[in-house]
């Protein structure tokens, strides 16, 4: 099914492929279509088409970023209002209970970080926004994390399609490994910032209680 979809996308007129680069990511989380067809497929193929000169890369990236951010925001609102009802109606063969629980656990433990990097995990990308809406994640927190994560994701996937050209199938297979690289990089940076904060806190001058008592007795 995915291979047939890819071939169909490659044969589309450029402006239609550009629309798909917006539409697929937008629908992925907003109506949970991503549990069947990953939105990255259309973005990747639009990048391939841009490589052939029929589209500009910046057009692909703008469409993909807009689709990713808008779609996940809609998914957040849908989850906040009708999330429980929708999850009960979706068949388990499409939305596995273990994936739902995995997404909830990630949001409980990591909050905005789960929103930021949830889209890099295929099993969770279509679920995280809705689950975030059902959880205690604040709207402002979600909007910021969604904007950053959606921009990074769309630019990476679209650029990979552009760089790969006709070798897009290899990139499609390796995209999962790229996701883990970005997650690992984030963990390393976050750990470094935390250690630096702790070191600076340890070096901060501390008040001397004895000196303070002596000062009070003198007065």
C-alpha atoms as a PDB file:
ATOM      1  CA  UNK A   1       0.000   0.000   0.000  1.00  0.00           C
ATOM      2  CA  UNK A   2       2.772   2.424   0.949  1.00  0.00           C
ATOM      3  CA  UNK A   3       4.788   1.668  -2.209  1.00  0.00           C
ATOM      4  CA  UNK A   4       1.721   2.280  -4.392  1.00  0.00           C
ATOM      5  CA  UNK A   5       1.069   5.553  -2.564  1.00  0.00           C
ATOM      6  CA  UNK A   6       4.661   6.675  -3.110  1.00  0.00           C
ATOM      7  CA  UNK A   7       4.497   5.968  -6.835  1.00  0.00           C
ATOM      8  CA  UNK A   8       1.195   7.811  -7.055  1.00  0.00           C
ATOM      9  CA  UNK A   9       2.648  10.839  -5.283  1.00  0.00           C
ATOM     10  CA  UNK A  10       5.662  10.917  -7.605  1.00  0.00           C
ATOM     11  CA  UNK A  11       3.365  11.083 -10.639  1.00  0.00           C
ATOM     12  CA  UNK A  12       1.281  13.968  -9.310  1.00  0.00           C
ATOM     13  CA  UNK A  13       1.578  17.520 -10.685  1.00  0.00           C
ATOM     14  CA  UNK A  14       4.006  19.531  -8.533  1.00  0.00           C
ATOM     15  CA  UNK A  15       1.365  21.787  -7.020  1.00  0.00           C
ATOM     16  CA  UNK A  16      -0.715  18.775  -5.974  1.00  0.00           C
ATOM     17  CA  UNK A  17       2.328  17.110  -4.385  1.00  0.00           C
ATOM     18  CA  UNK A  18       2.955  20.372  -2.523  1.00  0.00           C
ATOM     19  CA  UNK A  19      -0.610  20.299  -1.234  1.00  0.00           C
ATOM     20  CA  UNK A  20      -0.114  16.721  -0.093  1.00  0.00           C
ATOM     21  CA  UNK A  21       3.051  17.780   1.785  1.00  0.00           C
ATOM     22  CA  UNK A  22       0.772  20.057   3.797  1.00  0.00           C
ATOM     23  CA  UNK A  23      -2.290  17.808   3.958  1.00  0.00           C
ATOM     24  CA  UNK A  24      -0.746  14.504   5.063  1.00  0.00           C
ATOM     25  CA  UNK A  25       1.038  15.911   8.148  1.00  0.00           C
ATOM     26  CA  UNK A  26      -2.040  18.017   8.934  1.00  0.00           C
ATOM     27  CA  UNK A  27      -4.354  15.003   8.871  1.00  0.00           C
ATOM     28  CA  UNK A  28      -1.896  12.677  10.566  1.00  0.00           C
ATOM     29  CA  UNK A  29      -2.698  13.698  14.149  1.00  0.00           C
ATOM     30  CA  UNK A  30      -5.894  15.695  13.668  1.00  0.00           C
ATOM     31  CA  UNK A  31      -7.933  12.676  12.497  1.00  0.00           C
ATOM     32  CA  UNK A  32      -5.416   9.946  13.425  1.00  0.00           C
ATOM     33  CA  UNK A  33      -4.721   9.045   9.779  1.00  0.00           C
ATOM     34  CA  UNK A  34      -1.094   8.636  10.789  1.00  0.00           C
ATOM     35  CA  UNK A  35      -1.888   5.294  12.393  1.00  0.00           C
ATOM     36  CA  UNK A  36      -2.432   4.010   8.823  1.00  0.00           C
ATOM     37  CA  UNK A  37      -0.374   6.259   6.529  1.00  0.00           C
ATOM     38  CA  UNK A  38       2.585   8.195   7.993  1.00  0.00           C
ATOM     39  CA  UNK A  39       2.597  11.872   7.037  1.00  0.00           C
ATOM     40  CA  UNK A  40       6.336  11.826   6.419  1.00  0.00           C
ATOM     41  CA  UNK A  41       5.747   9.946   3.140  1.00  0.00           C
ATOM     42  CA  UNK A  42       4.247  12.967   1.364  1.00  0.00           C
ATOM     43  CA  UNK A  43       6.899  15.340   2.753  1.00  0.00           C
ATOM     44  CA  UNK A  44       9.704  13.007   1.713  1.00  0.00           C
ATOM     45  CA  UNK A  45       8.325  12.633  -1.813  1.00  0.00           C
ATOM     46  CA  UNK A  46       7.794  16.394  -2.161  1.00  0.00           C
ATOM     47  CA  UNK A  47      11.475  16.782  -1.319  1.00  0.00           C
ATOM     48  CA  UNK A  48      12.319  14.266  -4.065  1.00  0.00           C
ATOM     49  CA  UNK A  49      10.223  16.264  -6.541  1.00  0.00           C
ATOM     50  CA  UNK A  50      12.041  19.445  -5.484  1.00  0.00           C
ATOM     51  CA  UNK A  51      15.309  17.650  -6.217  1.00  0.00           C
ATOM     52  CA  UNK A  52      14.077  17.171  -9.770  1.00  0.00           C
ATOM     53  CA  UNK A  53      13.475  20.908 -10.156  1.00  0.00           C
ATOM     54  CA  UNK A  54       9.678  20.794 -10.314  1.00  0.00           C
ATOM     55  CA  UNK A  55       9.332  22.425  -6.895  1.00  0.00           C
ATOM     56  CA  UNK A  56      11.417  24.736  -4.744  1.00  0.00           C
ATOM     57  CA  UNK A  57      12.712  23.193  -1.543  1.00  0.00           C
ATOM     58  CA  UNK A  58      11.592  26.168   0.530  1.00  0.00           C
ATOM     59  CA  UNK A  59       8.028  25.661  -0.744  1.00  0.00           C
ATOM     60  CA  UNK A  60       8.092  22.064   0.447  1.00  0.00           C
ATOM     61  CA  UNK A  61       9.463  23.028   3.864  1.00  0.00           C
ATOM     62  CA  UNK A  62       6.925  25.819   4.409  1.00  0.00           C
ATOM     63  CA  UNK A  63       4.016  23.535   3.459  1.00  0.00           C
ATOM     64  CA  UNK A  64       5.290  20.682   5.634  1.00  0.00           C
ATOM     65  CA  UNK A  65       5.972  22.892   8.664  1.00  0.00           C
ATOM     66  CA  UNK A  66       2.527  24.477   8.431  1.00  0.00           C
ATOM     67  CA  UNK A  67       0.826  21.100   8.056  1.00  0.00           C
ATOM     68  CA  UNK A  68       2.706  19.537  10.965  1.00  0.00           C
ATOM     69  CA  UNK A  69       2.049  22.409  13.380  1.00  0.00           C
ATOM     70  CA  UNK A  70      -1.589  23.000  12.439  1.00  0.00           C
ATOM     71  CA  UNK A  71      -2.451  19.297  12.357  1.00  0.00           C
ATOM     72  CA  UNK A  72      -0.991  18.591  15.780  1.00  0.00           C
ATOM     73  CA  UNK A  73      -2.719  21.626  17.272  1.00  0.00           C
ATOM     74  CA  UNK A  74      -6.054  20.368  15.927  1.00  0.00           C
ATOM     75  CA  UNK A  75      -5.213  16.942  17.325  1.00  0.00           C
ATOM     76  CA  UNK A  76      -4.596  18.542  20.737  1.00  0.00           C
ATOM     77  CA  UNK A  77      -8.003  20.250  20.684  1.00  0.00           C
ATOM     78  CA  UNK A  78      -9.731  17.093  19.457  1.00  0.00           C
ATOM     79  CA  UNK A  79      -8.110  15.126  22.258  1.00  0.00           C
ATOM     80  CA  UNK A  80      -9.119  17.690  24.857  1.00  0.00           C
ATOM     81  CA  UNK A  81     -12.778  17.620  23.809  1.00  0.00           C
ATOM     82  CA  UNK A  82     -13.470  14.156  22.404  1.00  0.00           C
ATOM     83  CA  UNK A  83     -10.312  12.137  23.063  1.00  0.00           C
ATOM     84  CA  UNK A  84     -11.769   9.457  25.317  1.00  0.00           C
ATOM     85  CA  UNK A  85     -14.739   8.849  23.014  1.00  0.00           C
ATOM     86  CA  UNK A  86     -12.539   8.588  19.915  1.00  0.00           C
ATOM     87  CA  UNK A  87     -10.113   6.156  21.530  1.00  0.00           C
ATOM     88  CA  UNK A  88     -12.985   3.887  22.489  1.00  0.00           C
ATOM     89  CA  UNK A  89     -14.295   3.825  18.915  1.00  0.00           C
ATOM     90  CA  UNK A  90     -10.997   3.301  17.090  1.00  0.00           C
ATOM     91  CA  UNK A  91     -10.267  -0.395  16.427  1.00  0.00           C
ATOM     92  CA  UNK A  92      -7.380  -1.918  18.358  1.00  0.00           C
ATOM     93  CA  UNK A  93      -5.713  -3.138  15.163  1.00  0.00           C
ATOM     94  CA  UNK A  94      -5.123   0.522  14.260  1.00  0.00           C
ATOM     95  CA  UNK A  95      -4.564   2.045  17.689  1.00  0.00           C
ATOM     96  CA  UNK A  96      -2.930  -0.494  19.969  1.00  0.00           C
ATOM     97  CA  UNK A  97      -3.593  -0.089  23.711  1.00  0.00           C
ATOM     98  CA  UNK A  98       0.123  -0.489  24.492  1.00  0.00           C
ATOM     99  CA  UNK A  99       0.915   2.474  22.210  1.00  0.00           C
ATOM    100  CA  UNK A 100      -1.715   4.592  23.955  1.00  0.00           C
ATOM    101  CA  UNK A 101      -0.330   3.681  27.368  1.00  0.00           C
ATOM    102  CA  UNK A 102       3.205   4.324  26.151  1.00  0.00           C
ATOM    103  CA  UNK A 103       2.204   7.807  24.986  1.00  0.00           C
ATOM    104  CA  UNK A 104       0.437   8.600  28.261  1.00  0.00           C
ATOM    105  CA  UNK A 105       3.423   7.443  30.275  1.00  0.00           C
ATOM    106  CA  UNK A 106       5.767   9.617  28.195  1.00  0.00           C
ATOM    107  CA  UNK A 107       3.557  12.654  28.730  1.00  0.00           C
ATOM    108  CA  UNK A 108       3.293  12.006  32.491  1.00  0.00           C
ATOM    109  CA  UNK A 109       7.046  11.764  32.888  1.00  0.00           C
ATOM    110  CA  UNK A 110       8.331  14.268  30.319  1.00  0.00           C
ATOM    111  CA  UNK A 111       5.493  16.596  29.355  1.00  0.00           C
ATOM    112  CA  UNK A 112       6.710  19.082  26.726  1.00  0.00           C
ATOM    113  CA  UNK A 113       9.712  16.903  25.867  1.00  0.00           C
ATOM    114  CA  UNK A 114       7.350  14.076  24.881  1.00  0.00           C
ATOM    115  CA  UNK A 115       5.448  16.499  22.631  1.00  0.00           C
ATOM    116  CA  UNK A 116       8.687  17.772  21.129  1.00  0.00           C
ATOM    117  CA  UNK A 117      10.081  14.370  20.221  1.00  0.00           C
ATOM    118  CA  UNK A 118       6.951  12.229  20.058  1.00  0.00           C
ATOM    119  CA  UNK A 119       6.596  12.897  16.340  1.00  0.00           C
ATOM    120  CA  UNK A 120       9.905  11.098  15.723  1.00  0.00           C
ATOM    121  CA  UNK A 121       8.443   7.835  17.013  1.00  0.00           C
ATOM    122  CA  UNK A 122       6.195   6.313  14.348  1.00  0.00           C
ATOM    123  CA  UNK A 123       3.931   4.491  16.782  1.00  0.00           C
ATOM    124  CA  UNK A 124       3.244   7.657  18.798  1.00  0.00           C
ATOM    125  CA  UNK A 125       3.319  10.502  16.267  1.00  0.00           C
ATOM    126  CA  UNK A 126      -0.407  10.415  15.494  1.00  0.00           C
ATOM    127  CA  UNK A 127      -1.379   9.854  19.145  1.00  0.00           C
ATOM    128  CA  UNK A 128       0.761  12.261  21.196  1.00  0.00           C
ATOM    129  CA  UNK A 129      -1.132  15.498  20.335  1.00  0.00           C
ATOM    130  CA  UNK A 130      -4.519  13.994  21.207  1.00  0.00           C
ATOM    131  CA  UNK A 131      -3.174  12.371  24.359  1.00  0.00           C
ATOM    132  CA  UNK A 132      -1.581  15.686  25.332  1.00  0.00           C
ATOM    133  CA  UNK A 133      -4.985  17.320  25.036  1.00  0.00           C
ATOM    134  CA  UNK A 134      -6.442  14.632  27.300  1.00  0.00           C
ATOM    135  CA  UNK A 135      -3.671  15.060  29.855  1.00  0.00           C
ATOM    136  CA  UNK A 136      -2.556  17.966  32.036  1.00  0.00           C
ATOM    137  CA  UNK A 137      -0.236  19.485  29.423  1.00  0.00           C
ATOM    138  CA  UNK A 138      -0.919  23.223  29.290  1.00  0.00           C
ATOM    139  CA  UNK A 139      -1.957  24.779  26.001  1.00  0.00           C
ATOM    140  CA  UNK A 140       0.934  27.260  26.008  1.00  0.00           C
ATOM    141  CA  UNK A 141       3.445  24.488  26.711  1.00  0.00           C
ATOM    142  CA  UNK A 142       2.030  22.372  23.915  1.00  0.00           C
ATOM    143  CA  UNK A 143       1.990  25.232  21.398  1.00  0.00           C
ATOM    144  CA  UNK A 144       5.679  26.040  21.977  1.00  0.00           C
ATOM    145  CA  UNK A 145       6.832  22.407  21.920  1.00  0.00           C
ATOM    146  CA  UNK A 146       4.659  21.667  18.899  1.00  0.00           C
ATOM    147  CA  UNK A 147       6.018  24.630  16.938  1.00  0.00           C
ATOM    148  CA  UNK A 148       9.637  23.706  17.625  1.00  0.00           C
ATOM    149  CA  UNK A 149       9.170  19.988  17.055  1.00  0.00           C
ATOM    150  CA  UNK A 150       7.050  20.422  13.926  1.00  0.00           C
ATOM    151  CA  UNK A 151       9.555  22.806  12.354  1.00  0.00           C
ATOM    152  CA  UNK A 152      12.522  20.536  13.004  1.00  0.00           C
ATOM    153  CA  UNK A 153      10.711  17.402  11.855  1.00  0.00           C
ATOM    154  CA  UNK A 154       9.379  18.908   8.619  1.00  0.00           C
ATOM    155  CA  UNK A 155      12.695  20.509   7.665  1.00  0.00           C
ATOM    156  CA  UNK A 156      14.655  17.314   8.327  1.00  0.00           C
ATOM    157  CA  UNK A 157      12.277  15.024   6.411  1.00  0.00           C
ATOM    158  CA  UNK A 158      11.836  17.405   3.456  1.00  0.00           C
ATOM    159  CA  UNK A 159      15.570  18.044   3.218  1.00  0.00           C
ATOM    160  CA  UNK A 160      16.338  14.322   3.365  1.00  0.00           C
ATOM    161  CA  UNK A 161      14.001  13.749   0.427  1.00  0.00           C
ATOM    162  CA  UNK A 162      15.684  16.550  -1.483  1.00  0.00           C
ATOM    163  CA  UNK A 163      19.194  15.255  -0.780  1.00  0.00           C
ATOM    164  CA  UNK A 164      18.321  11.626  -1.504  1.00  0.00           C
ATOM    165  CA  UNK A 165      16.560  12.272  -4.797  1.00  0.00           C
ATOM    166  CA  UNK A 166      15.596   8.993  -6.373  1.00  0.00           C
ATOM    167  CA  UNK A 167      17.188   7.077  -3.514  1.00  0.00           C
ATOM    168  CA  UNK A 168      14.251   8.044  -1.305  1.00  0.00           C
ATOM    169  CA  UNK A 169      13.456   4.420  -0.411  1.00  0.00           C
ATOM    170  CA  UNK A 170      16.778   4.101   1.376  1.00  0.00           C
ATOM    171  CA  UNK A 171      16.076   7.305   3.293  1.00  0.00           C
ATOM    172  CA  UNK A 172      12.578   6.120   4.168  1.00  0.00           C
ATOM    173  CA  UNK A 173      14.025   2.994   5.768  1.00  0.00           C
ATOM    174  CA  UNK A 174      16.760   4.901   7.587  1.00  0.00           C
ATOM    175  CA  UNK A 175      14.494   7.684   8.836  1.00  0.00           C
ATOM    176  CA  UNK A 176      13.796   5.739  12.017  1.00  0.00           C
ATOM    177  CA  UNK A 177      17.508   5.693  12.817  1.00  0.00           C
ATOM    178  CA  UNK A 178      17.660   9.444  12.223  1.00  0.00           C
ATOM    179  CA  UNK A 179      14.888   9.887  14.774  1.00  0.00           C
ATOM    180  CA  UNK A 180      16.918   8.086  17.421  1.00  0.00           C
ATOM    181  CA  UNK A 181      19.972  10.219  16.603  1.00  0.00           C
ATOM    182  CA  UNK A 182      18.002  13.427  17.215  1.00  0.00           C
ATOM    183  CA  UNK A 183      16.557  12.062  20.451  1.00  0.00           C
ATOM    184  CA  UNK A 184      20.009  11.004  21.669  1.00  0.00           C
ATOM    185  CA  UNK A 185      21.436  14.425  20.749  1.00  0.00           C
ATOM    186  CA  UNK A 186      18.713  16.173  22.729  1.00  0.00           C
ATOM    187  CA  UNK A 187      19.362  13.968  25.779  1.00  0.00           C
ATOM    188  CA  UNK A 188      23.090  14.739  25.658  1.00  0.00           C
ATOM    189  CA  UNK A 189      22.481  18.499  25.384  1.00  0.00           C
ATOM    190  CA  UNK A 190      19.888  18.470  28.167  1.00  0.00           C
ATOM    191  CA  UNK A 191      22.206  16.474  30.428  1.00  0.00           C
ATOM    192  CA  UNK A 192      25.070  18.903  29.753  1.00  0.00           C
ATOM    193  CA  UNK A 193      22.885  21.901  30.611  1.00  0.00           C
ATOM    194  CA  UNK A 194      21.720  20.209  33.804  1.00  0.00           C
ATOM    195  CA  UNK A 195      25.282  19.423  34.918  1.00  0.00           C
ATOM    196  CA  UNK A 196      26.401  22.993  34.191  1.00  0.00           C
ATOM    197  CA  UNK A 197      23.486  24.326  36.232  1.00  0.00           C
ATOM    198  CA  UNK A 198      24.391  22.095  39.173  1.00  0.00           C
ATOM    199  CA  UNK A 199      28.058  23.124  39.007  1.00  0.00           C
ATOM    200  CA  UNK A 200      27.174  26.819  38.973  1.00  0.00           C
ATOM    201  CA  UNK A 201      24.750  26.331  41.854  1.00  0.00           C
ATOM    202  CA  UNK A 202      27.516  24.650  43.846  1.00  0.00           C
ATOM    203  CA  UNK A 203      29.887  27.539  43.223  1.00  0.00           C
ATOM    204  CA  UNK A 204      27.360  30.208  44.221  1.00  0.00           C
ATOM    205  CA  UNK A 205      28.435  32.111  47.381  1.00  0.00           C
ATOM    206  CA  UNK A 206      26.466  31.054  50.417  1.00  0.00           C
ATOM    207  CA  UNK A 207      25.643  33.254  53.388  1.00  0.00           C
ATOM    208  CA  UNK A 208      27.458  32.644  56.690  1.00  0.00           C
ATOM    209  CA  UNK A 209      24.903  32.198  59.503  1.00  0.00           C
ATOM    210  CA  UNK A 210      27.515  32.866  62.235  1.00  0.00           C
ATOM    211  CA  UNK A 211      28.542  36.147  60.641  1.00  0.00           C
ATOM    212  CA  UNK A 212      24.925  37.166  60.416  1.00  0.00           C
ATOM    213  CA  UNK A 213      24.365  36.406  64.122  1.00  0.00           C
ATOM    214  CA  UNK A 214      27.456  38.393  65.113  1.00  0.00           C
ATOM    215  CA  UNK A 215      26.250  41.356  63.073  1.00  0.00           C
ATOM    216  CA  UNK A 216      22.878  41.276  64.796  1.00  0.00           C
ATOM    217  CA  UNK A 217      24.485  41.089  68.302  1.00  0.00           C
ATOM    218  CA  UNK A 218      26.662  44.096  67.566  1.00  0.00           C
ATOM    219  CA  UNK A 219      23.670  46.150  66.595  1.00  0.00           C
END
